[in-house]
Amino acid sequence: QVQLVESGGGLVRPGDSLRLSCAASGGTWSRNVMAWFRQASGKEREFVAAHFRMDGGTNYAESVKGRFTISRDNTKSTAYLQMNNLKPEDTAVYYCASSATWSTRPSNYRYWGQGTQVTVSS
């Protein structure tokens, strides 16, 4: 079993930055891929970013490339999502997820955190 706990959400203004954290425990193999998804009100959950434990590689949705950075500190079993130059359209509940395999589809991820709200508004 993998447990994921997110933190770091909040209310910010356009152009501000936030860093989300995802503390993980259990099931190292099931954490080969650590990913962030988001779900805006009335919309489907969408892929944001992923980090691959085996080679340290990353993957991003086009909408966040150049603004968001995903990283992982294996010593702390924690993944991070640094979000810069935030826009109102980034407003959503952000979820951390883990999987043994890579995909941008939410259905690929068995383990999920509880979510943290990010609101970008002037």
N, C-alpha and C. Protein backbone atom coordinates (compact mmCIF):
# COMPACT_ATOMS: atom_id res chain seq x y z
N GLN A 1 0.82 -1.20 0.00
CA GLN A 1 0.00 0.00 0.00
C GLN A 1 0.86 1.26 0.00
N VAL A 2 0.42 2.25 -0.76
CA VAL A 2 1.10 3.54 -0.81
C VAL A 2 0.16 4.59 -0.24
N GLN A 3 0.69 5.40 0.64
CA GLN A 3 -0.07 6.53 1.15
C GLN A 3 0.56 7.83 0.65
N LEU A 4 -0.28 8.73 0.16
CA LEU A 4 0.19 10.00 -0.39
C LEU A 4 -0.56 11.14 0.30
N VAL A 5 0.19 12.13 0.75
CA VAL A 5 -0.42 13.27 1.43
C VAL A 5 0.11 14.55 0.81
N GLU A 6 -0.78 15.33 0.21
CA GLU A 6 -0.37 16.59 -0.42
C GLU A 6 -0.48 17.76 0.57
N SER A 7 0.30 18.78 0.28
CA SER A 7 0.19 20.03 1.04
C SER A 7 0.72 21.16 0.17
N GLY A 8 0.43 22.39 0.58
CA GLY A 8 1.01 23.54 -0.09
C GLY A 8 0.07 24.36 -0.96
N GLY A 9 -1.17 23.95 -1.08
CA GLY A 9 -2.10 24.73 -1.88
C GLY A 9 -2.46 26.05 -1.21
N GLY A 10 -3.21 26.88 -1.94
CA GLY A 10 -3.62 28.15 -1.37
C GLY A 10 -4.19 29.09 -2.40
N LEU A 11 -4.42 30.32 -1.95
CA LEU A 11 -4.95 31.37 -2.82
C LEU A 11 -3.81 32.32 -3.16
N VAL A 12 -3.56 32.50 -4.45
CA VAL A 12 -2.48 33.38 -4.89
C VAL A 12 -2.99 34.27 -6.03
N ARG A 13 -2.20 35.28 -6.35
CA ARG A 13 -2.53 36.18 -7.45
C ARG A 13 -1.85 35.72 -8.74
N PRO A 14 -2.38 36.11 -9.88
CA PRO A 14 -1.71 35.78 -11.15
C PRO A 14 -0.26 36.24 -11.13
N GLY A 15 0.63 35.37 -11.61
CA GLY A 15 2.04 35.66 -11.62
C GLY A 15 2.80 35.18 -10.39
N ASP A 16 2.07 34.81 -9.36
CA ASP A 16 2.72 34.30 -8.14
C ASP A 16 3.20 32.87 -8.32
N SER A 17 3.89 32.37 -7.29
CA SER A 17 4.40 31.01 -7.28
C SER A 17 3.88 30.25 -6.07
N LEU A 18 3.80 28.93 -6.21
CA LEU A 18 3.45 28.03 -5.12
C LEU A 18 4.26 26.76 -5.29
N ARG A 19 4.54 26.10 -4.17
CA ARG A 19 5.16 24.77 -4.25
C ARG A 19 4.28 23.78 -3.52
N LEU A 20 3.87 22.76 -4.24
CA LEU A 20 3.10 21.67 -3.65
C LEU A 20 4.04 20.54 -3.25
N SER A 21 3.69 19.88 -2.16
CA SER A 21 4.47 18.73 -1.71
C SER A 21 3.57 17.50 -1.63
N CYS A 22 4.19 16.35 -1.84
CA CYS A 22 3.47 15.08 -1.75
C CYS A 22 4.34 14.11 -0.98
N ALA A 23 3.99 13.86 0.27
CA ALA A 23 4.74 12.94 1.11
C ALA A 23 4.21 11.54 0.89
N ALA A 24 5.13 10.61 0.57
CA ALA A 24 4.74 9.25 0.24
C ALA A 24 5.30 8.26 1.23
N SER A 25 4.58 7.17 1.40
CA SER A 25 5.07 6.08 2.23
C SER A 25 4.56 4.77 1.67
N GLY A 26 5.36 3.69 1.87
CA GLY A 26 4.95 2.36 1.42
C GLY A 26 5.19 2.13 -0.06
N GLY A 27 5.33 0.86 -0.45
CA GLY A 27 5.30 0.43 -1.84
C GLY A 27 6.25 1.14 -2.79
N THR A 28 7.55 0.98 -2.61
CA THR A 28 8.53 1.67 -3.44
C THR A 28 8.31 1.41 -4.93
N TRP A 29 8.06 0.16 -5.29
CA TRP A 29 7.86 -0.18 -6.70
C TRP A 29 6.67 0.55 -7.29
N SER A 30 5.64 0.71 -6.48
CA SER A 30 4.44 1.40 -6.96
C SER A 30 4.63 2.90 -7.04
N ARG A 31 5.82 3.36 -6.70
CA ARG A 31 6.11 4.79 -6.81
C ARG A 31 7.17 5.05 -7.87
N ASN A 32 7.30 4.13 -8.83
CA ASN A 32 8.22 4.35 -9.94
C ASN A 32 7.91 5.66 -10.64
N VAL A 33 6.64 5.93 -10.83
CA VAL A 33 6.19 7.17 -11.44
C VAL A 33 5.40 7.95 -10.39
N MET A 34 5.84 9.16 -10.11
CA MET A 34 5.09 10.09 -9.27
C MET A 34 4.56 11.17 -10.19
N ALA A 35 3.28 11.44 -10.10
CA ALA A 35 2.66 12.38 -11.02
C ALA A 35 1.75 13.35 -10.28
N TRP A 36 1.53 14.47 -10.92
CA TRP A 36 0.54 15.45 -10.46
C TRP A 36 -0.56 15.56 -11.51
N PHE A 37 -1.76 15.55 -11.04
CA PHE A 37 -2.93 15.80 -11.86
C PHE A 37 -3.69 16.98 -11.26
N ARG A 38 -4.61 17.53 -12.01
CA ARG A 38 -5.47 18.58 -11.47
C ARG A 38 -6.87 18.43 -12.04
N GLN A 39 -7.81 18.93 -11.27
CA GLN A 39 -9.21 18.86 -11.70
C GLN A 39 -9.89 20.17 -11.35
N ALA A 40 -10.23 20.92 -12.38
CA ALA A 40 -10.98 22.16 -12.20
C ALA A 40 -12.46 21.83 -12.05
N SER A 41 -13.18 22.74 -11.44
CA SER A 41 -14.60 22.52 -11.20
C SER A 41 -15.34 22.27 -12.51
N GLY A 42 -16.06 21.17 -12.57
CA GLY A 42 -16.85 20.83 -13.75
C GLY A 42 -16.06 20.23 -14.89
N LYS A 43 -14.79 19.97 -14.68
CA LYS A 43 -13.95 19.41 -15.74
C LYS A 43 -13.37 18.07 -15.32
N GLU A 44 -12.84 17.36 -16.30
CA GLU A 44 -12.21 16.07 -16.02
C GLU A 44 -10.82 16.28 -15.42
N ARG A 45 -10.38 15.27 -14.69
CA ARG A 45 -9.04 15.30 -14.13
C ARG A 45 -8.03 15.22 -15.27
N GLU A 46 -6.99 16.07 -15.22
CA GLU A 46 -6.01 16.10 -16.29
C GLU A 46 -4.59 15.98 -15.76
N PHE A 47 -3.74 15.41 -16.59
CA PHE A 47 -2.33 15.23 -16.27
C PHE A 47 -1.62 16.58 -16.27
N VAL A 48 -0.71 16.74 -15.29
CA VAL A 48 0.08 17.97 -15.21
C VAL A 48 1.56 17.67 -15.40
N ALA A 49 2.11 16.75 -14.61
CA ALA A 49 3.54 16.47 -14.67
C ALA A 49 3.82 15.12 -14.06
N ALA A 50 4.94 14.52 -14.46
CA ALA A 50 5.35 13.22 -13.92
C ALA A 50 6.85 13.18 -13.75
N HIS A 51 7.29 12.40 -12.76
CA HIS A 51 8.71 12.18 -12.50
C HIS A 51 8.95 10.68 -12.44
N PHE A 52 10.02 10.24 -13.11
CA PHE A 52 10.32 8.82 -13.20
C PHE A 52 11.49 8.47 -12.30
N ARG A 53 11.24 7.56 -11.34
CA ARG A 53 12.26 7.23 -10.34
C ARG A 53 13.49 6.60 -10.96
N MET A 54 13.32 5.76 -11.98
CA MET A 54 14.44 4.97 -12.51
C MET A 54 15.52 5.84 -13.14
N ASP A 55 15.13 6.86 -13.92
CA ASP A 55 16.14 7.66 -14.60
C ASP A 55 16.08 9.14 -14.27
N GLY A 56 15.15 9.52 -13.40
CA GLY A 56 15.03 10.92 -13.03
C GLY A 56 14.40 11.80 -14.09
N GLY A 57 13.88 11.17 -15.13
CA GLY A 57 13.25 11.94 -16.20
C GLY A 57 11.93 12.55 -15.78
N THR A 58 11.45 13.51 -16.57
CA THR A 58 10.20 14.19 -16.29
C THR A 58 9.37 14.34 -17.56
N ASN A 59 8.10 14.61 -17.38
CA ASN A 59 7.20 14.85 -18.49
C ASN A 59 6.15 15.87 -18.04
N TYR A 60 5.79 16.77 -18.94
CA TYR A 60 4.86 17.84 -18.58
C TYR A 60 3.74 17.99 -19.61
N ALA A 61 2.60 18.43 -19.13
CA ALA A 61 1.54 18.84 -20.04
C ALA A 61 1.98 20.13 -20.74
N GLU A 62 1.55 20.30 -21.97
CA GLU A 62 1.94 21.48 -22.74
C GLU A 62 1.54 22.77 -22.03
N SER A 63 0.43 22.74 -21.34
CA SER A 63 -0.10 23.95 -20.72
C SER A 63 0.75 24.47 -19.56
N VAL A 64 1.65 23.62 -19.03
CA VAL A 64 2.45 24.03 -17.88
C VAL A 64 3.95 24.04 -18.17
N LYS A 65 4.33 23.61 -19.36
CA LYS A 65 5.76 23.56 -19.70
C LYS A 65 6.39 24.94 -19.58
N GLY A 66 7.56 24.98 -18.95
CA GLY A 66 8.26 26.24 -18.76
C GLY A 66 7.83 27.01 -17.53
N ARG A 67 6.72 26.60 -16.91
CA ARG A 67 6.24 27.28 -15.69
C ARG A 67 6.28 26.37 -14.47
N PHE A 68 6.01 25.08 -14.66
CA PHE A 68 5.96 24.13 -13.55
C PHE A 68 7.19 23.22 -13.62
N THR A 69 7.65 22.81 -12.44
CA THR A 69 8.76 21.87 -12.35
C THR A 69 8.44 20.81 -11.32
N ILE A 70 8.53 19.56 -11.74
CA ILE A 70 8.33 18.45 -10.81
C ILE A 70 9.69 17.92 -10.38
N SER A 71 9.79 17.56 -9.10
CA SER A 71 11.04 17.00 -8.60
C SER A 71 10.70 16.00 -7.50
N ARG A 72 11.73 15.26 -7.11
CA ARG A 72 11.52 14.25 -6.08
C ARG A 72 12.75 14.19 -5.20
N ASP A 73 12.52 14.15 -3.90
CA ASP A 73 13.60 13.95 -2.93
C ASP A 73 13.42 12.56 -2.35
N ASN A 74 14.23 11.62 -2.83
CA ASN A 74 14.06 10.23 -2.39
C ASN A 74 14.42 10.04 -0.92
N THR A 75 15.28 10.88 -0.40
CA THR A 75 15.65 10.75 1.02
C THR A 75 14.48 11.09 1.92
N LYS A 76 13.57 11.93 1.41
CA LYS A 76 12.40 12.31 2.19
C LYS A 76 11.13 11.65 1.67
N SER A 77 11.25 10.83 0.62
CA SER A 77 10.08 10.20 0.00
C SER A 77 9.01 11.23 -0.31
N THR A 78 9.45 12.34 -0.87
CA THR A 78 8.55 13.45 -1.15
C THR A 78 8.73 13.93 -2.58
N ALA A 79 7.61 14.18 -3.24
CA ALA A 79 7.62 14.78 -4.57
C ALA A 79 7.12 16.21 -4.45
N TYR A 80 7.61 17.05 -5.35
CA TYR A 80 7.25 18.46 -5.31
C TYR A 80 6.76 18.91 -6.68
N LEU A 81 5.92 19.93 -6.65
CA LEU A 81 5.53 20.60 -7.89
C LEU A 81 5.71 22.09 -7.65
N GLN A 82 6.77 22.64 -8.25
CA GLN A 82 7.02 24.07 -8.18
C GLN A 82 6.23 24.73 -9.31
N MET A 83 5.35 25.64 -8.94
CA MET A 83 4.50 26.29 -9.93
C MET A 83 4.81 27.78 -9.95
N ASN A 84 5.31 28.25 -11.07
CA ASN A 84 5.66 29.67 -11.24
C ASN A 84 4.73 30.32 -12.25
N ASN A 85 4.67 31.64 -12.19
CA ASN A 85 3.85 32.41 -13.13
C ASN A 85 2.45 31.83 -13.24
N LEU A 86 1.82 31.65 -12.11
CA LEU A 86 0.49 31.03 -12.09
C LEU A 86 -0.54 31.90 -12.79
N LYS A 87 -1.48 31.22 -13.43
CA LYS A 87 -2.55 31.88 -14.19
C LYS A 87 -3.90 31.46 -13.62
N PRO A 88 -4.93 32.27 -13.83
CA PRO A 88 -6.26 31.88 -13.34
C PRO A 88 -6.70 30.50 -13.83
N GLU A 89 -6.31 30.14 -15.04
CA GLU A 89 -6.70 28.83 -15.57
C GLU A 89 -5.97 27.67 -14.89
N ASP A 90 -5.02 27.96 -14.01
CA ASP A 90 -4.37 26.90 -13.22
C ASP A 90 -5.20 26.56 -11.98
N THR A 91 -6.26 27.31 -11.73
CA THR A 91 -7.11 27.05 -10.57
C THR A 91 -7.73 25.66 -10.66
N ALA A 92 -7.51 24.85 -9.63
CA ALA A 92 -7.99 23.47 -9.62
C ALA A 92 -7.62 22.82 -8.29
N VAL A 93 -8.16 21.64 -8.08
CA VAL A 93 -7.66 20.78 -7.01
C VAL A 93 -6.53 19.96 -7.61
N TYR A 94 -5.40 19.98 -6.97
CA TYR A 94 -4.22 19.26 -7.45
C TYR A 94 -4.04 17.98 -6.66
N TYR A 95 -3.83 16.90 -7.39
CA TYR A 95 -3.69 15.57 -6.79
C TYR A 95 -2.32 14.99 -7.13
N CYS A 96 -1.73 14.36 -6.14
CA CYS A 96 -0.53 13.57 -6.33
C CYS A 96 -0.96 12.13 -6.55
N ALA A 97 -0.26 11.43 -7.44
CA ALA A 97 -0.59 10.04 -7.73
C ALA A 97 0.69 9.26 -7.99
N SER A 98 0.61 7.96 -7.77
CA SER A 98 1.78 7.13 -8.04
C SER A 98 1.38 5.85 -8.76
N SER A 99 2.34 5.34 -9.51
CA SER A 99 2.11 4.13 -10.28
C SER A 99 3.43 3.44 -10.56
N ALA A 100 3.36 2.15 -10.84
CA ALA A 100 4.56 1.42 -11.25
C ALA A 100 4.88 1.71 -12.71
N THR A 101 3.88 2.13 -13.48
CA THR A 101 4.06 2.34 -14.92
C THR A 101 3.65 3.74 -15.32
N TRP A 102 4.09 4.15 -16.50
CA TRP A 102 3.88 5.52 -16.97
C TRP A 102 2.67 5.64 -17.88
N SER A 103 1.88 6.66 -17.64
CA SER A 103 0.77 7.03 -18.50
C SER A 103 0.29 8.41 -18.09
N THR A 104 -0.36 9.11 -19.02
CA THR A 104 -0.99 10.38 -18.66
C THR A 104 -2.45 10.15 -18.25
N ARG A 105 -2.91 8.92 -18.33
CA ARG A 105 -4.32 8.64 -18.01
C ARG A 105 -4.48 8.43 -16.50
N PRO A 106 -5.42 9.11 -15.89
CA PRO A 106 -5.65 8.92 -14.45
C PRO A 106 -5.93 7.46 -14.08
N SER A 107 -6.57 6.72 -14.97
CA SER A 107 -6.93 5.34 -14.67
C SER A 107 -5.70 4.45 -14.47
N ASN A 108 -4.53 4.92 -14.90
CA ASN A 108 -3.29 4.13 -14.74
C ASN A 108 -2.77 4.18 -13.31
N TYR A 109 -3.26 5.14 -12.54
CA TYR A 109 -2.70 5.39 -11.21
C TYR A 109 -3.61 4.81 -10.14
N ARG A 110 -3.02 3.92 -9.36
CA ARG A 110 -3.80 3.25 -8.32
C ARG A 110 -3.86 4.06 -7.04
N TYR A 111 -2.79 4.81 -6.76
CA TYR A 111 -2.70 5.50 -5.48
C TYR A 111 -2.81 7.01 -5.68
N TRP A 112 -3.64 7.62 -4.84
CA TRP A 112 -3.92 9.04 -4.94
C TRP A 112 -3.89 9.70 -3.57
N GLY A 113 -3.47 10.95 -3.56
CA GLY A 113 -3.61 11.75 -2.36
C GLY A 113 -5.01 12.33 -2.28
N GLN A 114 -5.24 13.11 -1.24
CA GLN A 114 -6.58 13.65 -0.99
C GLN A 114 -6.84 14.93 -1.79
N GLY A 115 -5.80 15.52 -2.33
CA GLY A 115 -5.96 16.74 -3.13
C GLY A 115 -5.73 17.99 -2.31
N THR A 116 -5.25 19.03 -2.98
CA THR A 116 -5.04 20.33 -2.35
C THR A 116 -5.50 21.41 -3.33
N GLN A 117 -6.26 22.37 -2.82
CA GLN A 117 -6.84 23.40 -3.67
C GLN A 117 -5.83 24.49 -3.99
N VAL A 118 -5.74 24.82 -5.27
CA VAL A 118 -4.96 25.97 -5.72
C VAL A 118 -5.91 26.93 -6.42
N THR A 119 -5.97 28.15 -5.94
CA THR A 119 -6.83 29.17 -6.54
C THR A 119 -5.98 30.36 -6.94
N VAL A 120 -6.07 30.73 -8.21
CA VAL A 120 -5.31 31.87 -8.74
C VAL A 120 -6.31 32.94 -9.13
N SER A 121 -6.30 34.02 -8.41
CA SER A 121 -7.30 35.07 -8.64
C SER A 121 -6.75 36.42 -8.19
N SER A 122 -7.12 37.45 -8.94
CA SER A 122 -6.73 38.80 -8.55
C SER A 122 -7.79 39.43 -7.65
